[in-house]
Each structure stands twice: as structure tokens, then as C-alpha cells.
Amino acid sequence: MSNSTTSTIKLRYFRENSQEIIDAVKKGKNFLVFKRSEPVLKISAPDIDEWGEEIGPNDVSIDFRKDDITVEEFMDALRKSLDTKKKHER
């Protein structure tokens, strides 16, 4: 979503207003959730995969922008992604 906006919120606010957050996400808004001044969650609407299918909340993604990704993290994410796609094919 190229025209979406990102807001920062506290974890407590997310817990107390989850339905409001969900409604805003459905309208294209993204949230970065902080706990004790550190980001812990990014909340956004699901994307569409290369086959035109919606990527749901149980699908796996990994952020390759972080510098310290390990091979183990990459392989775990790849295995989970392949398992998820196999479930969709059934």
C-alpha cells in the first residue's frame, strides 16, 4: 500500500484499543507498537503474494533489512513459508 500511513503507539494502547486498531488497519493504516521505548510489533494489512492470493496472519515473513539475520533465522522462515504454501495447495 503506497498511500498508507504509520502511527506509533504504546503496547498498552494496543491492548486497550485492539478493535479500533484493527479497523484502522483495514483502512490502510500501519502501526509501530512500542514497549518501554523499543519497537516490538509492526501491524499492517496482509499483502498479496505473487500468485494473487492474500497473505494471511499465519504466513511467515522475515525482515531482511536487519543486518544481524542469521542463517538459522532465514532457514526457519523459509521452512515455515514452504509449509504454509503446501497447506494452501491442499
Protein backbone atom coordinates (compact mmCIF):
# COMPACT_ATOMS: atom_id res chain seq x y z
CA MET A 1 0.00 0.00 0.00
CA SER A 2 1.83 3.05 -1.15
CA ASN A 3 -0.52 5.59 0.42
CA SER A 4 -0.70 4.06 3.88
CA THR A 5 0.42 5.89 6.98
CA THR A 6 2.27 4.58 10.01
CA SER A 7 1.49 5.64 13.55
CA THR A 8 3.45 4.81 16.66
CA ILE A 9 1.52 3.57 19.66
CA LYS A 10 2.29 2.05 23.03
CA LEU A 11 1.64 -1.64 23.68
CA ARG A 12 -0.83 -0.74 26.42
CA TYR A 13 -2.84 1.38 23.98
CA PHE A 14 -2.88 -1.52 21.52
CA ARG A 15 -4.18 -3.89 24.20
CA GLU A 16 -6.90 -1.46 25.28
CA ASN A 17 -7.98 -0.45 21.76
CA SER A 18 -7.37 -3.52 19.61
CA GLN A 19 -10.66 -3.32 17.68
CA GLU A 20 -10.03 0.33 16.84
CA ILE A 21 -6.53 -0.60 15.62
CA ILE A 22 -7.90 -3.47 13.51
CA ASP A 23 -10.46 -1.17 11.91
CA ALA A 24 -7.76 1.38 11.08
CA VAL A 25 -5.52 -1.33 9.57
CA LYS A 26 -8.40 -2.44 7.35
CA LYS A 27 -8.49 1.14 6.05
CA GLY A 28 -4.77 1.05 5.17
CA LYS A 29 -3.10 2.42 8.28
CA ASN A 30 0.02 0.80 9.76
CA PHE A 31 1.15 0.82 13.37
CA LEU A 32 4.51 0.51 15.03
CA VAL A 33 3.98 -0.70 18.60
CA PHE A 34 6.45 0.27 21.31
CA LYS A 35 7.11 -1.33 24.68
CA ARG A 36 9.45 0.53 27.03
CA SER A 37 10.64 2.84 24.25
CA GLU A 38 11.55 -0.03 21.91
CA PRO A 39 9.60 -1.16 18.84
CA VAL A 40 8.17 -4.66 19.34
CA LEU A 41 5.46 -5.05 16.67
CA LYS A 42 4.57 -3.72 13.28
CA ILE A 43 0.91 -4.08 12.43
CA SER A 44 -0.27 -3.80 8.84
CA ALA A 45 -2.79 -5.33 6.48
CA PRO A 46 -1.81 -8.58 4.75
CA ASP A 47 -0.09 -8.31 1.40
CA ILE A 48 -0.85 -10.13 -1.80
CA ASP A 49 1.60 -12.85 -2.83
CA GLU A 50 2.98 -13.39 -6.31
CA TRP A 51 0.04 -15.68 -7.19
CA GLY A 52 -2.52 -13.02 -6.36
CA GLU A 53 -3.54 -14.69 -3.12
CA GLU A 54 -3.84 -12.79 0.10
CA ILE A 55 -1.10 -13.45 2.62
CA GLY A 56 -2.79 -14.11 5.93
CA PRO A 57 -1.73 -13.67 9.55
CA ASN A 58 -0.31 -17.20 9.76
CA ASP A 59 2.02 -16.71 6.82
CA VAL A 60 5.65 -16.16 7.57
CA SER A 61 7.76 -13.18 6.68
CA ILE A 62 11.22 -12.12 7.67
CA ASP A 63 12.76 -8.69 7.51
CA PHE A 64 15.98 -8.87 5.52
CA ARG A 65 16.72 -5.22 6.19
CA LYS A 66 18.18 -6.01 9.58
CA ASP A 67 21.89 -6.56 9.49
CA ASP A 68 22.14 -9.36 12.01
CA ILE A 69 19.88 -12.01 10.45
CA THR A 70 21.31 -15.46 10.98
CA VAL A 71 21.27 -18.37 8.59
CA GLU A 72 19.14 -20.27 11.11
CA GLU A 73 16.51 -17.49 11.14
CA PHE A 74 16.46 -17.46 7.35
CA MET A 75 16.12 -21.25 7.08
CA ASP A 76 13.36 -21.37 9.74
CA ALA A 77 11.39 -18.69 7.88
CA LEU A 78 11.88 -20.49 4.58
CA ARG A 79 10.69 -23.83 6.03
CA LYS A 80 7.60 -22.19 7.58
CA SER A 81 6.82 -20.42 4.33
CA LEU A 82 7.05 -23.64 2.34
CA ASP A 83 4.88 -25.47 4.88
CA THR A 84 2.25 -22.73 4.64
CA LYS A 85 2.20 -22.87 0.84
CA LYS A 86 1.82 -26.67 0.94
CA LYS A 87 -1.23 -26.26 3.22
CA HIS A 88 -2.77 -23.78 0.74
CA GLU A 89 -2.25 -26.20 -2.15
CA ARG A 90 -4.25 -28.98 -0.49
